[in-house]
Structures are given as C-alpha cells and as structure tokens.
Amino acid sequence: QVQLVESGGGLVQPGGSLRLSCAASGSIFSINRMGWYRQAPGKQRELVATITSGGSPNYADSVKGRFTISRDNAKNTMYLQMNSLKPEDTAVYYCNRFPNYLNDYWGQGTQVTVSS
C-alpha cells in the first residue's frame, strides 16, 4: 500500500524558511527518483525539485538557489528546505515519485503560505 505523508508547512513571512518532510512507503521510495511538487490556487500542479535514489538533485528555475532537496533512504523520508521564501511560493506542496503517472496516489499535501 502506497503511503505519502507530507508535513512541515505553515505560515511564514517573506524571506523566512520552512522545512518540509515526506514520509513514504518503501514500495515507492526505495527505487524511485522522488520529487516535490506544488499547486497554487487556480494553477496546475508543478514540479519543484527532484532527487535520485543516489541523492542527485534537480530544481525548477524558480526555486534554484533557495530550496534544497534531500532524502534519507534508511528512513524512507525526503525533505525540502525552503529559504528566502516569496509570496509566489504559496501553494500546497506534495511529494511523489518522478515521473508520476495518471493513476498514482497523492497524499493530502502540506500548505505553505508566505505572507506578511
């Protein structure tokens, strides 16, 4: 059974930081490239960052230099350290494998709101 549980979101002022966590079941985590995604109100879900099982990261241009993705394979957990947050980072953040497919399960996500 697939399990994806995102946590760590909240309300933060512009320029602030948050660290998101993703607890995933071993069946999806252990052999897959994983990713953080986000969906802002009225917009499509977009890819924020990915990380291979070996730890190699990639970032969307919009977050490069501000966000850091990491994973702990022993704990089936992935993280997203978000610094220098901007109002346009406001969204619900999700984790999942990359690439993902039409019938993939998605967790409930964690809300990140950047506002003064």
N, C-alpha and C. Protein backbone atom coordinates (compact mmCIF):
# COMPACT_ATOMS: atom_id res chain seq x y z
N GLN A 1 0.85 -1.19 0.00
CA GLN A 1 0.00 0.00 0.00
C GLN A 1 0.88 1.24 0.00
N VAL A 2 0.58 2.15 -0.92
CA VAL A 2 1.37 3.37 -1.03
C VAL A 2 1.01 4.33 0.09
N GLN A 3 2.02 4.91 0.69
CA GLN A 3 1.81 5.91 1.73
C GLN A 3 2.68 7.12 1.43
N LEU A 4 2.09 8.27 1.41
CA LEU A 4 2.80 9.53 1.23
C LEU A 4 2.20 10.53 2.22
N VAL A 5 3.01 10.97 3.16
CA VAL A 5 2.53 11.90 4.18
C VAL A 5 3.47 13.10 4.22
N GLU A 6 2.94 14.25 3.81
CA GLU A 6 3.71 15.49 3.81
C GLU A 6 3.43 16.26 5.10
N SER A 7 4.45 16.94 5.60
CA SER A 7 4.28 17.74 6.81
C SER A 7 5.29 18.88 6.82
N GLY A 8 5.09 19.83 7.73
CA GLY A 8 6.05 20.90 7.91
C GLY A 8 5.65 22.24 7.34
N GLY A 9 4.50 22.30 6.69
CA GLY A 9 4.06 23.57 6.14
C GLY A 9 3.58 24.52 7.22
N GLY A 10 3.26 25.74 6.79
CA GLY A 10 2.77 26.73 7.74
C GLY A 10 2.76 28.10 7.13
N LEU A 11 2.54 29.08 7.99
CA LEU A 11 2.53 30.49 7.58
C LEU A 11 3.87 31.11 7.94
N VAL A 12 4.48 31.76 6.98
CA VAL A 12 5.80 32.35 7.19
C VAL A 12 5.86 33.68 6.46
N GLN A 13 6.62 34.60 6.99
CA GLN A 13 6.79 35.89 6.35
C GLN A 13 7.76 35.80 5.17
N PRO A 14 7.63 36.69 4.21
CA PRO A 14 8.59 36.71 3.11
C PRO A 14 10.02 36.79 3.63
N GLY A 15 10.89 35.99 3.03
CA GLY A 15 12.26 35.91 3.49
C GLY A 15 12.51 34.82 4.52
N GLY A 16 11.44 34.23 5.00
CA GLY A 16 11.55 33.20 6.02
C GLY A 16 11.87 31.84 5.45
N SER A 17 11.91 30.84 6.34
CA SER A 17 12.28 29.48 5.97
C SER A 17 11.30 28.47 6.54
N LEU A 18 11.19 27.36 5.85
CA LEU A 18 10.44 26.21 6.31
C LEU A 18 11.15 24.95 5.84
N ARG A 19 10.95 23.88 6.57
CA ARG A 19 11.47 22.58 6.16
C ARG A 19 10.32 21.59 6.06
N LEU A 20 10.09 21.09 4.87
CA LEU A 20 9.03 20.11 4.65
C LEU A 20 9.60 18.70 4.74
N SER A 21 8.76 17.78 5.19
CA SER A 21 9.13 16.37 5.25
C SER A 21 8.10 15.54 4.49
N CYS A 22 8.58 14.43 3.94
CA CYS A 22 7.71 13.50 3.23
C CYS A 22 8.05 12.09 3.71
N ALA A 23 7.11 11.46 4.36
CA ALA A 23 7.27 10.07 4.78
C ALA A 23 6.59 9.19 3.75
N ALA A 24 7.36 8.30 3.15
CA ALA A 24 6.83 7.49 2.05
C ALA A 24 6.99 6.02 2.36
N SER A 25 6.12 5.22 1.79
CA SER A 25 6.24 3.78 1.94
C SER A 25 7.43 3.29 1.14
N GLY A 26 8.03 2.22 1.61
CA GLY A 26 9.22 1.71 0.96
C GLY A 26 9.00 1.30 -0.47
N SER A 27 7.78 0.88 -0.78
CA SER A 27 7.48 0.40 -2.14
C SER A 27 7.64 1.50 -3.18
N ILE A 28 7.43 2.73 -2.78
CA ILE A 28 7.54 3.82 -3.75
C ILE A 28 8.86 4.56 -3.60
N PHE A 29 9.45 4.50 -2.45
CA PHE A 29 10.60 5.35 -2.17
C PHE A 29 11.92 4.72 -2.57
N SER A 30 12.09 3.46 -2.30
CA SER A 30 13.41 2.86 -2.32
C SER A 30 14.09 2.87 -3.68
N ILE A 31 13.35 2.70 -4.76
CA ILE A 31 13.99 2.58 -6.06
C ILE A 31 13.68 3.72 -6.99
N ASN A 32 12.94 4.70 -6.48
CA ASN A 32 12.48 5.75 -7.37
C ASN A 32 13.17 7.07 -7.15
N ARG A 33 13.29 7.78 -8.28
CA ARG A 33 13.56 9.20 -8.18
C ARG A 33 12.31 9.84 -7.59
N MET A 34 12.49 10.70 -6.62
CA MET A 34 11.37 11.33 -5.93
C MET A 34 11.35 12.82 -6.22
N GLY A 35 10.19 13.41 -6.03
CA GLY A 35 10.07 14.83 -6.31
C GLY A 35 9.13 15.55 -5.36
N TRP A 36 9.35 16.82 -5.24
CA TRP A 36 8.42 17.73 -4.57
C TRP A 36 7.67 18.50 -5.66
N TYR A 37 6.38 18.60 -5.46
CA TYR A 37 5.50 19.31 -6.38
C TYR A 37 4.71 20.34 -5.57
N ARG A 38 4.15 21.31 -6.27
CA ARG A 38 3.29 22.26 -5.58
C ARG A 38 2.16 22.70 -6.50
N GLN A 39 1.06 23.08 -5.86
CA GLN A 39 -0.10 23.56 -6.60
C GLN A 39 -0.66 24.78 -5.91
N ALA A 40 -0.60 25.90 -6.60
CA ALA A 40 -1.16 27.14 -6.09
C ALA A 40 -2.63 27.23 -6.52
N PRO A 41 -3.42 28.02 -5.81
CA PRO A 41 -4.84 28.16 -6.15
C PRO A 41 -5.03 28.58 -7.61
N GLY A 42 -5.88 27.85 -8.32
CA GLY A 42 -6.18 28.18 -9.70
C GLY A 42 -5.11 27.80 -10.70
N LYS A 43 -4.08 27.11 -10.24
CA LYS A 43 -2.98 26.74 -11.15
C LYS A 43 -2.79 25.23 -11.17
N GLN A 44 -2.11 24.77 -12.20
CA GLN A 44 -1.81 23.35 -12.28
C GLN A 44 -0.66 23.00 -11.35
N ARG A 45 -0.62 21.73 -10.97
CA ARG A 45 0.48 21.26 -10.16
C ARG A 45 1.78 21.38 -10.95
N GLU A 46 2.84 21.82 -10.28
CA GLU A 46 4.12 21.98 -10.95
C GLU A 46 5.22 21.28 -10.15
N LEU A 47 6.24 20.88 -10.88
CA LEU A 47 7.38 20.22 -10.27
C LEU A 47 8.32 21.27 -9.68
N VAL A 48 8.73 21.04 -8.44
CA VAL A 48 9.62 21.98 -7.76
C VAL A 48 11.06 21.46 -7.77
N ALA A 49 11.24 20.21 -7.41
CA ALA A 49 12.58 19.64 -7.33
C ALA A 49 12.49 18.12 -7.36
N THR A 50 13.56 17.49 -7.81
CA THR A 50 13.63 16.03 -7.79
C THR A 50 14.97 15.59 -7.21
N ILE A 51 14.99 14.34 -6.77
CA ILE A 51 16.23 13.77 -6.25
C ILE A 51 16.26 12.29 -6.60
N THR A 52 17.39 11.83 -7.11
CA THR A 52 17.53 10.42 -7.45
C THR A 52 17.73 9.59 -6.20
N SER A 53 17.64 8.27 -6.36
CA SER A 53 17.87 7.41 -5.20
C SER A 53 19.28 7.56 -4.66
N GLY A 54 20.19 8.01 -5.51
CA GLY A 54 21.56 8.24 -5.09
C GLY A 54 21.82 9.62 -4.54
N GLY A 55 20.81 10.48 -4.56
CA GLY A 55 20.94 11.80 -3.94
C GLY A 55 21.25 12.95 -4.87
N SER A 56 21.16 12.76 -6.17
CA SER A 56 21.44 13.86 -7.10
C SER A 56 20.19 14.71 -7.29
N PRO A 57 20.30 16.02 -7.02
CA PRO A 57 19.13 16.88 -7.08
C PRO A 57 18.99 17.63 -8.41
N ASN A 58 17.76 18.04 -8.67
CA ASN A 58 17.48 18.99 -9.74
C ASN A 58 16.38 19.92 -9.28
N TYR A 59 16.42 21.17 -9.75
CA TYR A 59 15.49 22.18 -9.27
C TYR A 59 14.84 22.93 -10.42
N ALA A 60 13.61 23.34 -10.19
CA ALA A 60 12.98 24.28 -11.10
C ALA A 60 13.71 25.61 -11.00
N ASP A 61 13.75 26.35 -12.10
CA ASP A 61 14.47 27.63 -12.08
C ASP A 61 13.93 28.57 -11.01
N SER A 62 12.65 28.49 -10.75
CA SER A 62 12.02 29.42 -9.81
C SER A 62 12.47 29.24 -8.37
N VAL A 63 13.06 28.08 -8.05
CA VAL A 63 13.47 27.83 -6.66
C VAL A 63 14.97 27.58 -6.53
N LYS A 64 15.67 27.56 -7.65
CA LYS A 64 17.10 27.27 -7.63
C LYS A 64 17.83 28.29 -6.78
N GLY A 65 18.69 27.81 -5.89
CA GLY A 65 19.44 28.68 -5.01
C GLY A 65 18.73 29.01 -3.71
N ARG A 66 17.44 28.66 -3.62
CA ARG A 66 16.68 28.95 -2.40
C ARG A 66 16.21 27.67 -1.71
N PHE A 67 15.91 26.65 -2.48
CA PHE A 67 15.40 25.38 -1.94
C PHE A 67 16.48 24.31 -2.04
N THR A 68 16.45 23.39 -1.08
CA THR A 68 17.37 22.25 -1.08
C THR A 68 16.58 20.97 -0.81
N ILE A 69 16.68 20.03 -1.72
CA ILE A 69 16.00 18.74 -1.56
C ILE A 69 17.01 17.71 -1.05
N SER A 70 16.54 16.84 -0.17
CA SER A 70 17.41 15.79 0.35
C SER A 70 16.55 14.59 0.72
N ARG A 71 17.21 13.46 0.96
CA ARG A 71 16.46 12.25 1.31
C ARG A 71 17.29 11.39 2.25
N ASP A 72 16.58 10.65 3.08
CA ASP A 72 17.19 9.68 3.98
C ASP A 72 16.60 8.33 3.61
N ASN A 73 17.35 7.55 2.84
CA ASN A 73 16.82 6.28 2.33
C ASN A 73 16.54 5.28 3.44
N ALA A 74 17.29 5.36 4.51
CA ALA A 74 17.08 4.43 5.64
C ALA A 74 15.74 4.69 6.33
N LYS A 75 15.26 5.92 6.24
CA LYS A 75 14.01 6.29 6.90
C LYS A 75 12.86 6.46 5.91
N ASN A 76 13.12 6.21 4.62
CA ASN A 76 12.09 6.44 3.58
C ASN A 76 11.50 7.84 3.70
N THR A 77 12.34 8.81 3.91
CA THR A 77 11.90 10.18 4.14
C THR A 77 12.66 11.14 3.23
N MET A 78 11.94 12.12 2.74
CA MET A 78 12.52 13.14 1.88
C MET A 78 12.23 14.50 2.50
N TYR A 79 13.08 15.46 2.23
CA TYR A 79 12.95 16.78 2.83
C TYR A 79 13.05 17.87 1.76
N LEU A 80 12.49 19.01 2.09
CA LEU A 80 12.66 20.19 1.26
C LEU A 80 12.92 21.37 2.18
N GLN A 81 14.14 21.84 2.19
CA GLN A 81 14.49 23.04 2.95
C GLN A 81 14.23 24.24 2.06
N MET A 82 13.37 25.12 2.52
CA MET A 82 12.97 26.28 1.73
C MET A 82 13.42 27.55 2.44
N ASN A 83 14.30 28.29 1.82
CA ASN A 83 14.81 29.55 2.37
C ASN A 83 14.40 30.70 1.47
N SER A 84 14.51 31.90 1.99
CA SER A 84 14.20 33.12 1.22
C SER A 84 12.84 32.99 0.54
N LEU A 85 11.86 32.57 1.30
CA LEU A 85 10.54 32.32 0.73
C LEU A 85 9.90 33.60 0.22
N LYS A 86 9.15 33.45 -0.86
CA LYS A 86 8.47 34.57 -1.51
C LYS A 86 6.96 34.30 -1.52
N PRO A 87 6.15 35.33 -1.64
CA PRO A 87 4.69 35.11 -1.71
C PRO A 87 4.30 34.15 -2.83
N GLU A 88 5.04 34.15 -3.92
CA GLU A 88 4.70 33.26 -5.04
C GLU A 88 5.02 31.80 -4.76
N ASP A 89 5.66 31.52 -3.63
CA ASP A 89 5.87 30.14 -3.22
C ASP A 89 4.65 29.57 -2.50
N THR A 90 3.67 30.40 -2.24
CA THR A 90 2.46 29.94 -1.58
C THR A 90 1.75 28.88 -2.41
N ALA A 91 1.52 27.72 -1.80
CA ALA A 91 0.92 26.60 -2.52
C ALA A 91 0.75 25.43 -1.54
N VAL A 92 0.06 24.40 -2.00
CA VAL A 92 0.07 23.12 -1.31
C VAL A 92 1.20 22.31 -1.92
N TYR A 93 2.05 21.79 -1.06
CA TYR A 93 3.22 21.04 -1.50
C TYR A 93 2.98 19.54 -1.32
N TYR A 94 3.34 18.79 -2.34
CA TYR A 94 3.16 17.34 -2.36
C TYR A 94 4.49 16.65 -2.69
N CYS A 95 4.60 15.42 -2.27
CA CYS A 95 5.73 14.60 -2.70
C CYS A 95 5.20 13.39 -3.45
N ASN A 96 6.02 12.89 -4.35
CA ASN A 96 5.67 11.70 -5.11
C ASN A 96 6.88 11.27 -5.91
N ARG A 97 6.75 10.15 -6.56
CA ARG A 97 7.84 9.71 -7.40
C ARG A 97 7.88 10.58 -8.65
N PHE A 98 9.03 10.55 -9.33
CA PHE A 98 9.19 11.27 -10.58
C PHE A 98 9.82 10.34 -11.59
N PRO A 99 9.23 10.24 -12.80
CA PRO A 99 7.95 10.84 -13.15
C PRO A 99 6.79 10.13 -12.47
N ASN A 100 5.65 10.76 -12.48
CA ASN A 100 4.47 10.10 -11.94
C ASN A 100 3.47 9.85 -13.07
N TYR A 101 2.45 9.08 -12.76
CA TYR A 101 1.55 8.58 -13.78
C TYR A 101 0.11 8.87 -13.42
N LEU A 102 -0.75 8.74 -14.37
CA LEU A 102 -2.14 9.19 -14.25
C LEU A 102 -2.82 8.65 -13.01
N ASN A 103 -2.64 7.40 -12.70
CA ASN A 103 -3.37 6.79 -11.59
C ASN A 103 -2.57 6.74 -10.29
N ASP A 104 -1.50 7.48 -10.21
CA ASP A 104 -0.69 7.48 -8.99
C ASP A 104 -1.48 8.04 -7.82
N TYR A 105 -1.22 7.50 -6.65
CA TYR A 105 -1.80 8.01 -5.41
C TYR A 105 -1.07 9.29 -5.00
N TRP A 106 -1.83 10.27 -4.53
CA TRP A 106 -1.26 11.51 -3.98
C TRP A 106 -1.71 11.67 -2.53
N GLY A 107 -0.82 12.11 -1.67
CA GLY A 107 -1.17 12.41 -0.30
C GLY A 107 -1.96 13.70 -0.20
N GLN A 108 -2.22 14.14 1.02
CA GLN A 108 -3.03 15.34 1.20
C GLN A 108 -2.23 16.62 1.04
N GLY A 109 -0.93 16.53 1.04
CA GLY A 109 -0.09 17.71 0.89
C GLY A 109 0.02 18.51 2.18
N THR A 110 0.86 19.53 2.13
CA THR A 110 1.03 20.43 3.26
C THR A 110 1.01 21.87 2.74
N GLN A 111 0.23 22.70 3.40
CA GLN A 111 0.03 24.08 2.93
C GLN A 111 1.19 24.97 3.37
N VAL A 112 1.73 25.70 2.41
CA VAL A 112 2.75 26.71 2.68
C VAL A 112 2.17 28.06 2.26
N THR A 113 2.14 28.98 3.22
CA THR A 113 1.63 30.32 2.94
C THR A 113 2.71 31.33 3.31
N VAL A 114 3.09 32.13 2.33
CA VAL A 114 4.12 33.16 2.54
C VAL A 114 3.44 34.52 2.45
N SER A 115 3.34 35.17 3.57
CA SER A 115 2.61 36.43 3.63
C SER A 115 3.05 37.25 4.83
N SER A 116 3.01 38.55 4.65
CA SER A 116 3.32 39.44 5.78
C SER A 116 2.04 39.84 6.50
